[in-house]
Amino acid sequence: MCSNYQFPSKKKLRLLGVDPDHYDLDLKEHVYPSYHAPIIMKGADGFDLDIARFGLLPKWAKEFNFSNHTYNARTESVAEKPSFRNAWKYSKFCLIPVQEFYEPKYINGKSHWYTIKRKDDQPFTVAAIYEDAEIRDSKVRSFSMLTINSDHHPFMKQFHAPDDEKRSIIVIPEEYRNDWLNVDREHAHEYFFEMRNEFVTFPQKSPDKSQDSLF
């Protein structure tokens, strides 16, 4: 389960086919639940960039802090869970641009934070669902990362507590990004890819929530 990550710089966002110049990206680069971050949406001609809240807020949510509990959505139950089923029903799929993300690894019974990123230091995109809601008379767009089981994945199985189920985000490769944004829920499972052998990991302290904006 991924609860914090770093989004790419403006320069690297352009490598993903989006133009960040028309958006206010004065955001903390390390994203935690309830923080705002860029997402990639289907546009009229290619990809559009938007800013949304990490942690999906269903239409019936009454408080913004609900997003502290909905930042990941399990693919096995996303269609039935009250928080996610409307977004899934209407195939509200988006992509999350990511530079690196963080997971705990247990060593000698203690949790240590590790950074996970591509070997070539390039940004990548993660499968997500989004929703639009109105809370306290404010319109808000929010999103959740989709996750799959990774108990047997050679790389991702090393993270989280020894007795916990291992979970992984879904990285959507470049050649499938447009397909993911246009797929319907009936065929979404065709894009539940396991992570390719292009990632590395190394020890990292948990990112500082008070860190200044990247831009």
Protein backbone atom coordinates (compact mmCIF):
# COMPACT_ATOMS: atom_id res chain seq x y z
CA MET A 1 0.00 0.00 0.00
CA CYS A 2 1.41 3.36 -0.98
CA SER A 3 0.67 6.28 1.33
CA ASN A 4 3.31 8.77 0.17
CA TYR A 5 5.19 9.57 -2.99
CA GLN A 6 6.99 12.36 -4.85
CA PHE A 7 5.59 13.81 -8.05
CA PRO A 8 7.88 14.84 -10.95
CA SER A 9 9.28 18.31 -11.59
CA LYS A 10 7.75 20.47 -14.32
CA LYS A 11 10.51 19.43 -16.70
CA LYS A 12 9.83 15.75 -16.11
CA LEU A 13 6.06 16.17 -16.26
CA ARG A 14 6.54 17.29 -19.85
CA LEU A 15 8.19 13.93 -20.56
CA LEU A 16 4.81 12.36 -19.76
CA GLY A 17 3.07 14.36 -22.46
CA VAL A 18 1.46 17.07 -20.31
CA ASP A 19 2.00 20.83 -20.15
CA PRO A 20 2.25 22.03 -16.53
CA ASP A 21 2.69 25.73 -17.33
CA HIS A 22 -1.00 26.61 -17.00
CA TYR A 23 -1.40 25.06 -13.56
CA ASP A 24 -0.55 26.25 -10.08
CA LEU A 25 1.96 23.65 -8.94
CA ASP A 26 3.03 25.45 -5.78
CA LEU A 27 2.60 22.16 -3.92
CA LYS A 28 4.70 20.07 -1.59
CA GLU A 29 6.62 17.60 -3.72
CA HIS A 30 6.08 14.74 -1.27
CA VAL A 31 2.42 13.77 -1.32
CA TYR A 32 0.56 12.30 1.66
CA PRO A 33 -3.15 11.48 2.07
CA SER A 34 -5.27 14.67 1.86
CA TYR A 35 -2.50 16.58 0.02
CA HIS A 36 -3.10 17.99 -3.45
CA ALA A 37 -1.09 16.68 -6.39
CA PRO A 38 -1.14 16.52 -10.20
CA ILE A 39 -3.14 13.87 -12.03
CA ILE A 40 -3.37 13.14 -15.76
CA MET A 41 -6.83 13.07 -17.32
CA LYS A 42 -8.18 12.23 -20.77
CA GLY A 43 -8.23 15.39 -22.87
CA ALA A 44 -9.83 16.38 -26.14
CA ASP A 45 -6.47 16.07 -27.88
CA GLY A 46 -4.14 13.96 -25.79
CA PHE A 47 -3.62 14.33 -22.04
CA ASP A 48 -4.81 17.03 -19.66
CA LEU A 49 -3.25 17.86 -16.32
CA ASP A 50 -5.35 18.58 -13.25
CA ILE A 51 -4.83 19.04 -9.52
CA ALA A 52 -6.71 16.76 -7.13
CA ARG A 53 -6.72 15.55 -3.54
CA PHE A 54 -4.93 12.29 -2.67
CA GLY A 55 -7.56 10.09 -1.05
CA LEU A 56 -10.87 9.69 -2.85
CA LEU A 57 -13.86 11.60 -1.51
CA PRO A 58 -17.14 9.90 -2.50
CA LYS A 59 -20.10 12.10 -3.30
CA TRP A 60 -21.66 11.34 0.07
CA ALA A 61 -18.58 12.30 2.13
CA LYS A 62 -19.21 15.14 4.60
CA GLU A 63 -15.65 15.95 5.69
CA PHE A 64 -12.41 16.49 3.80
CA ASN A 65 -10.45 14.30 6.22
CA PHE A 66 -12.31 11.27 4.82
CA SER A 67 -9.49 11.18 2.26
CA ASN A 68 -7.07 10.07 4.99
CA HIS A 69 -8.58 6.59 4.70
CA THR A 70 -9.15 6.20 0.94
CA TYR A 71 -5.79 6.78 -0.73
CA ASN A 72 -5.53 3.15 -1.96
CA ALA A 73 -8.27 1.07 -3.60
CA ARG A 74 -7.93 -2.72 -3.84
CA THR A 75 -8.75 -3.98 -7.32
CA GLU A 76 -10.37 -7.07 -5.84
CA SER A 77 -13.04 -5.04 -4.03
CA VAL A 78 -13.12 -1.61 -5.70
CA ALA A 79 -16.43 -2.36 -7.47
CA GLU A 80 -18.23 -3.10 -4.18
CA LYS A 81 -16.68 -0.73 -1.64
CA PRO A 82 -19.04 2.20 -0.94
CA SER A 83 -16.21 4.72 -1.15
CA PHE A 84 -15.07 3.63 -4.61
CA ARG A 85 -17.93 1.91 -6.41
CA ASN A 86 -19.37 5.02 -8.08
CA ALA A 87 -16.00 5.98 -9.58
CA TRP A 88 -15.54 2.40 -10.74
CA LYS A 89 -19.08 2.11 -12.11
CA TYR A 90 -18.54 5.11 -14.37
CA SER A 91 -14.96 4.16 -15.35
CA LYS A 92 -13.44 7.30 -13.87
CA PHE A 93 -9.83 6.41 -14.56
CA CYS A 94 -6.84 8.73 -14.37
CA LEU A 95 -3.06 8.52 -14.10
CA ILE A 96 -0.84 9.70 -11.28
CA PRO A 97 2.57 11.07 -12.33
CA VAL A 98 5.21 9.75 -9.92
CA GLN A 99 8.93 10.31 -9.59
CA GLU A 100 9.44 7.93 -6.66
CA PHE A 101 7.42 6.39 -3.86
CA TYR A 102 8.12 5.04 -0.39
CA GLU A 103 7.41 1.75 1.33
CA PRO A 104 8.47 0.24 4.66
CA LYS A 105 10.77 -2.75 4.78
CA TYR A 106 11.12 -4.73 8.01
CA ILE A 107 14.69 -5.53 9.06
CA ASN A 108 15.32 -7.35 12.34
CA GLY A 109 11.73 -6.65 13.34
CA LYS A 110 11.93 -2.89 12.76
CA SER A 111 10.37 -0.81 10.01
CA HIS A 112 12.72 1.14 7.73
CA TRP A 113 11.58 3.44 4.94
CA TYR A 114 12.80 2.67 1.42
CA THR A 115 12.65 4.72 -1.76
CA ILE A 116 11.45 3.01 -4.97
CA LYS A 117 12.15 4.60 -8.35
CA ARG A 118 13.04 3.72 -11.92
CA LYS A 119 16.62 2.75 -12.61
CA ASP A 120 16.88 5.50 -15.23
CA ASP A 121 15.39 8.12 -12.86
CA GLN A 122 12.54 8.81 -15.30
CA PRO A 123 8.99 9.60 -14.11
CA PHE A 124 6.23 7.01 -14.45
CA THR A 125 2.45 6.82 -14.23
CA VAL A 126 0.26 4.93 -11.78
CA ALA A 127 -3.30 3.69 -12.35
CA ALA A 128 -5.94 5.50 -10.32
CA ILE A 129 -9.63 6.29 -10.04
CA TYR A 130 -11.03 9.76 -9.39
CA GLU A 131 -14.25 11.31 -8.17
CA ASP A 132 -15.88 14.75 -8.08
CA ALA A 133 -17.75 15.77 -4.95
CA GLU A 134 -19.02 18.85 -3.15
CA ILE A 135 -18.13 19.27 0.51
CA ARG A 136 -18.96 22.36 2.55
CA ASP A 137 -20.07 24.13 -0.64
CA SER A 138 -16.67 23.49 -2.24
CA LYS A 139 -16.22 21.38 -5.35
CA VAL A 140 -13.33 18.96 -5.01
CA ARG A 141 -11.73 16.36 -7.27
CA SER A 142 -9.93 13.50 -5.54
CA PHE A 143 -8.21 10.25 -6.45
CA SER A 144 -7.02 6.90 -5.14
CA MET A 145 -4.24 4.60 -6.32
CA LEU A 146 -5.36 1.14 -7.41
CA THR A 147 -3.42 -1.76 -5.89
CA ILE A 148 -2.93 -5.46 -6.65
CA ASN A 149 -1.62 -8.39 -4.64
CA SER A 150 2.16 -8.81 -4.81
CA ASP A 151 2.80 -11.72 -2.44
CA HIS A 152 4.83 -13.44 -5.14
CA HIS A 153 6.28 -10.49 -7.00
CA PRO A 154 10.10 -10.80 -6.88
CA PHE A 155 10.59 -7.10 -6.10
CA MET A 156 7.48 -5.81 -4.30
CA LYS A 157 7.13 -8.76 -1.92
CA GLN A 158 10.02 -7.43 0.17
CA PHE A 159 8.01 -4.51 1.58
CA HIS A 160 5.62 -4.20 4.54
CA ALA A 161 5.38 -6.31 7.69
CA PRO A 162 6.34 -9.99 7.31
CA ASP A 163 2.85 -11.31 8.12
CA ASP A 164 0.94 -8.70 6.12
CA GLU A 165 -0.38 -9.24 2.62
CA LYS A 166 1.96 -7.64 0.11
CA ARG A 167 0.37 -5.02 -2.17
CA SER A 168 1.66 -3.08 -5.15
CA ILE A 169 0.67 -0.03 -7.11
CA ILE A 170 -0.05 -0.54 -10.83
CA VAL A 171 2.44 1.17 -13.12
CA ILE A 172 0.92 1.92 -16.52
CA PRO A 173 3.69 1.85 -19.16
CA GLU A 174 3.94 4.65 -21.72
CA GLU A 175 2.45 2.60 -24.54
CA TYR A 176 -0.74 1.93 -22.52
CA ARG A 177 -1.40 5.33 -20.94
CA ASN A 178 -3.94 6.46 -23.49
CA ASP A 179 -5.63 3.05 -23.40
CA TRP A 180 -5.99 3.23 -19.62
CA LEU A 181 -7.64 6.65 -19.75
CA ASN A 182 -10.18 5.38 -22.28
CA VAL A 183 -10.87 1.88 -20.96
CA ASP A 184 -14.19 0.88 -19.37
CA ARG A 185 -14.52 -0.98 -16.11
CA GLU A 186 -15.27 -4.27 -17.87
CA HIS A 187 -11.81 -4.31 -19.44
CA ALA A 188 -9.80 -2.43 -16.83
CA HIS A 189 -8.34 -5.68 -15.48
CA GLU A 190 -6.39 -6.05 -18.72
CA TYR A 191 -4.17 -3.21 -17.46
CA PHE A 192 -3.51 -4.51 -13.95
CA PHE A 193 0.17 -4.95 -14.77
CA GLU A 194 2.76 -6.19 -12.32
CA MET A 195 5.71 -3.84 -12.00
CA ARG A 196 8.38 -4.40 -14.63
CA ASN A 197 12.02 -5.11 -13.88
CA GLU A 198 13.02 -1.46 -14.15
CA PHE A 199 12.85 -0.31 -10.54
CA VAL A 200 15.43 -0.04 -7.76
CA THR A 201 15.16 0.54 -4.04
CA PHE A 202 17.43 2.00 -1.38
CA PRO A 203 17.12 3.13 2.25
CA GLN A 204 15.42 6.43 2.82
CA LYS A 205 14.07 8.21 5.85
CA SER A 206 10.35 8.89 5.74
CA PRO A 207 9.96 12.15 3.78
CA ASP A 208 9.60 15.32 5.77
CA LYS A 209 5.99 16.56 5.58
CA SER A 210 7.18 20.13 6.10
CA GLN A 211 9.38 20.11 3.00
CA ASP A 212 9.12 23.18 0.79
CA SER A 213 7.59 23.16 -2.65
CA LEU A 214 9.69 21.69 -5.44
CA PHE A 215 8.96 24.66 -7.66
